[in-house]
Structure formats: structure tokens, C-alpha cells
Amino acid sequence: MRDALAPGVGSAWIRGPEKVRPAEAVRLGADMTVIEISCVEVWREISNFLEGSVDPELRARMEAHFAVCSNCKAVLDGTKNVVKLIGDGQAFDAPAGFSARLFSKLP
């Protein structure tokens, strides 16, 4: 049944529960999972996902994608870290003499 097959990761062909495009198929051992959203779509919506401003259907699709795509999961985790580090608005005082030492190093 050729129309039910899609290229998987690498050059392997995988069988999914429905007809899928290459970007939507991921191998999970013996189980097959169909991802209905591409990595590019996930990256476009990652900020909205973190802010909670995506609709429930998109959130579910993204969560399913993160569960099987280690690259997108890494992007999600990295984005969370950046937001946590920068988003809290906490300012730090520079040590005494820091500005003078910094400016003395500049050409």
C-alpha cells in the first residue's frame, strides 16, 4: 500500500496510520507516530506556545511534536532558559571599578 508509506528519518520508509508528508513522519521504535505539524511551524509558534496564547488544538499538536522531536524540544528548552534568565528583569550591580577597567580595554 504505497500511498500509506512516507519517507522517515534518514532513508527508511515507515508506515503510518494515514497518508503523511515527509516532514510529518517520525520513527519511535516499533510504534509509529504521525506529527501533524512541521518543525518550521513549531519554531514560528514557540513564543506563543510559551506565553499560552495558542489554541488548544495547536498546543496539543506542538506537545506531541516535542515528545518525538529532540531538536524542537531542545529549541523549546533553550527558549525557556532565555526567557527565564532575561525575563525576570533582575539587574545586577557591576563590581567596583568594572566600568573603568572595561573602558581602559577599549581602543
C-alpha atoms as a PDB file:
ATOM      1  CA  MET A   1       0.000   0.000   0.000  1.00  0.00           C
ATOM      2  CA  ARG A   2       2.354   2.685  -1.298  1.00  0.00           C
ATOM      3  CA  ASP A   3       0.142   5.698  -0.509  1.00  0.00           C
ATOM      4  CA  ALA A   4       0.274   4.865   3.216  1.00  0.00           C
ATOM      5  CA  LEU A   5       4.078   4.979   3.256  1.00  0.00           C
ATOM      6  CA  ALA A   6       6.182   8.057   3.813  1.00  0.00           C
ATOM      7  CA  PRO A   7       9.915   8.618   3.978  1.00  0.00           C
ATOM      8  CA  GLY A   8      11.042   8.536   7.551  1.00  0.00           C
ATOM      9  CA  VAL A   9      14.173   9.682   9.293  1.00  0.00           C
ATOM     10  CA  GLY A  10      17.146   9.003   7.053  1.00  0.00           C
ATOM     11  CA  SER A  11      16.216   6.876   4.078  1.00  0.00           C
ATOM     12  CA  ALA A  12      13.939   4.366   5.836  1.00  0.00           C
ATOM     13  CA  TRP A  13      10.291   4.157   4.782  1.00  0.00           C
ATOM     14  CA  ILE A  14       7.770   3.979   7.531  1.00  0.00           C
ATOM     15  CA  ARG A  15       4.089   3.106   7.649  1.00  0.00           C
ATOM     16  CA  GLY A  16       1.767   5.432   9.468  1.00  0.00           C
ATOM     17  CA  PRO A  17      -1.925   5.278  10.250  1.00  0.00           C
ATOM     18  CA  GLU A  18      -2.667   7.698   7.420  1.00  0.00           C
ATOM     19  CA  LYS A  19      -1.107   9.256   4.364  1.00  0.00           C
ATOM     20  CA  VAL A  20       1.600  11.677   5.548  1.00  0.00           C
ATOM     21  CA  ARG A  21       4.160  14.055   4.092  1.00  0.00           C
ATOM     22  CA  PRO A  22       7.899  13.514   4.819  1.00  0.00           C
ATOM     23  CA  ALA A  23       8.180  16.309   7.411  1.00  0.00           C
ATOM     24  CA  GLU A  24       5.338  14.803   9.405  1.00  0.00           C
ATOM     25  CA  ALA A  25       6.657  11.284   9.977  1.00  0.00           C
ATOM     26  CA  VAL A  26       8.948  10.258  12.823  1.00  0.00           C
ATOM     27  CA  ARG A  27      10.079   6.769  13.881  1.00  0.00           C
ATOM     28  CA  LEU A  28       9.508   5.798  17.514  1.00  0.00           C
ATOM     29  CA  GLY A  29      10.941   2.302  17.733  1.00  0.00           C
ATOM     30  CA  ALA A  30       8.253  -0.205  16.787  1.00  0.00           C
ATOM     31  CA  ASP A  31       5.470   2.354  17.241  1.00  0.00           C
ATOM     32  CA  MET A  32       4.627   4.938  14.630  1.00  0.00           C
ATOM     33  CA  THR A  33       3.541   8.439  15.473  1.00  0.00           C
ATOM     34  CA  VAL A  34       2.295  10.944  12.943  1.00  0.00           C
ATOM     35  CA  ILE A  35       3.154  14.540  13.682  1.00  0.00           C
ATOM     36  CA  GLU A  36       0.703  16.930  12.118  1.00  0.00           C
ATOM     37  CA  ILE A  37       2.987  19.960  12.396  1.00  0.00           C
ATOM     38  CA  SER A  38       6.418  20.611  10.899  1.00  0.00           C
ATOM     39  CA  CYS A  39       9.482  21.828  12.778  1.00  0.00           C
ATOM     40  CA  VAL A  40       9.297  25.184  10.982  1.00  0.00           C
ATOM     41  CA  GLU A  41       5.707  25.654  12.121  1.00  0.00           C
ATOM     42  CA  VAL A  42       6.719  24.758  15.676  1.00  0.00           C
ATOM     43  CA  TRP A  43       9.559  27.299  15.628  1.00  0.00           C
ATOM     44  CA  ARG A  44       7.208  30.028  14.389  1.00  0.00           C
ATOM     45  CA  GLU A  45       4.824  29.410  17.280  1.00  0.00           C
ATOM     46  CA  ILE A  46       7.263  28.663  20.114  1.00  0.00           C
ATOM     47  CA  SER A  47       6.914  32.106  21.760  1.00  0.00           C
ATOM     48  CA  ASN A  48       3.137  31.935  21.560  1.00  0.00           C
ATOM     49  CA  PHE A  49       3.290  28.391  22.982  1.00  0.00           C
ATOM     50  CA  LEU A  50       5.334  29.569  25.977  1.00  0.00           C
ATOM     51  CA  GLU A  51       3.009  32.531  26.544  1.00  0.00           C
ATOM     52  CA  GLY A  52      -0.020  30.227  26.452  1.00  0.00           C
ATOM     53  CA  SER A  53      -1.572  32.087  23.543  1.00  0.00           C
ATOM     54  CA  VAL A  54      -2.012  29.170  21.121  1.00  0.00           C
ATOM     55  CA  ASP A  55      -5.353  27.443  20.762  1.00  0.00           C
ATOM     56  CA  PRO A  56      -5.797  24.054  22.479  1.00  0.00           C
ATOM     57  CA  GLU A  57      -5.568  22.099  19.208  1.00  0.00           C
ATOM     58  CA  LEU A  58      -2.249  23.705  18.229  1.00  0.00           C
ATOM     59  CA  ARG A  59      -0.925  23.239  21.779  1.00  0.00           C
ATOM     60  CA  ALA A  60      -1.727  19.520  21.613  1.00  0.00           C
ATOM     61  CA  ARG A  61      -0.058  19.183  18.207  1.00  0.00           C
ATOM     62  CA  MET A  62       3.037  21.026  19.441  1.00  0.00           C
ATOM     63  CA  GLU A  63       3.224  18.933  22.625  1.00  0.00           C
ATOM     64  CA  ALA A  64       3.013  15.776  20.519  1.00  0.00           C
ATOM     65  CA  HIS A  65       5.776  17.125  18.303  1.00  0.00           C
ATOM     66  CA  PHE A  66       8.027  17.952  21.287  1.00  0.00           C
ATOM     67  CA  ALA A  67       7.525  14.417  22.587  1.00  0.00           C
ATOM     68  CA  VAL A  68       9.148  12.909  19.487  1.00  0.00           C
ATOM     69  CA  CYS A  69      11.412  15.633  18.055  1.00  0.00           C
ATOM     70  CA  SER A  70      14.563  16.128  20.099  1.00  0.00           C
ATOM     71  CA  ASN A  71      15.655  19.147  18.035  1.00  0.00           C
ATOM     72  CA  CYS A  72      12.454  21.063  18.666  1.00  0.00           C
ATOM     73  CA  LYS A  73      12.471  20.002  22.324  1.00  0.00           C
ATOM     74  CA  ALA A  74      15.986  21.474  22.598  1.00  0.00           C
ATOM     75  CA  VAL A  75      14.797  24.720  20.985  1.00  0.00           C
ATOM     76  CA  LEU A  76      11.871  24.823  23.442  1.00  0.00           C
ATOM     77  CA  ASP A  77      14.135  24.214  26.442  1.00  0.00           C
ATOM     78  CA  GLY A  78      16.660  26.805  25.238  1.00  0.00           C
ATOM     79  CA  THR A  79      13.933  29.389  24.693  1.00  0.00           C
ATOM     80  CA  LYS A  80      12.535  28.712  28.169  1.00  0.00           C
ATOM     81  CA  ASN A  81      16.015  29.271  29.632  1.00  0.00           C
ATOM     82  CA  VAL A  82      16.494  32.568  27.784  1.00  0.00           C
ATOM     83  CA  VAL A  83      13.091  33.816  28.926  1.00  0.00           C
ATOM     84  CA  LYS A  84      13.875  32.783  32.497  1.00  0.00           C
ATOM     85  CA  LEU A  85      17.287  34.490  32.504  1.00  0.00           C
ATOM     86  CA  ILE A  86      16.259  37.711  30.803  1.00  0.00           C
ATOM     87  CA  GLY A  87      12.562  37.905  31.538  1.00  0.00           C
ATOM     88  CA  ASP A  88      12.781  38.352  35.286  1.00  0.00           C
ATOM     89  CA  GLY A  89      14.107  41.909  34.894  1.00  0.00           C
ATOM     90  CA  GLN A  90      16.611  41.480  37.689  1.00  0.00           C
ATOM     91  CA  ALA A  91      19.535  43.887  37.378  1.00  0.00           C
ATOM     92  CA  PHE A  92      22.958  43.207  38.784  1.00  0.00           C
ATOM     93  CA  ASP A  93      25.385  45.820  40.065  1.00  0.00           C
ATOM     94  CA  ALA A  94      28.792  45.707  38.425  1.00  0.00           C
ATOM     95  CA  PRO A  95      31.729  45.314  40.783  1.00  0.00           C
ATOM     96  CA  ALA A  96      33.537  48.472  41.873  1.00  0.00           C
ATOM     97  CA  GLY A  97      35.923  49.673  39.179  1.00  0.00           C
ATOM     98  CA  PHE A  98      34.410  47.456  36.472  1.00  0.00           C
ATOM     99  CA  SER A  99      33.445  50.317  34.158  1.00  0.00           C
ATOM    100  CA  ALA A 100      36.894  51.918  34.392  1.00  0.00           C
ATOM    101  CA  ARG A 101      38.608  48.569  33.611  1.00  0.00           C
ATOM    102  CA  LEU A 102      36.245  47.920  30.728  1.00  0.00           C
ATOM    103  CA  PHE A 103      36.759  51.335  29.144  1.00  0.00           C
ATOM    104  CA  SER A 104      40.533  51.065  29.551  1.00  0.00           C
ATOM    105  CA  LYS A 105      40.477  47.900  27.386  1.00  0.00           C
ATOM    106  CA  LEU A 106      38.593  49.590  24.530  1.00  0.00           C
ATOM    107  CA  PRO A 107      40.648  51.077  21.649  1.00  0.00           C
END
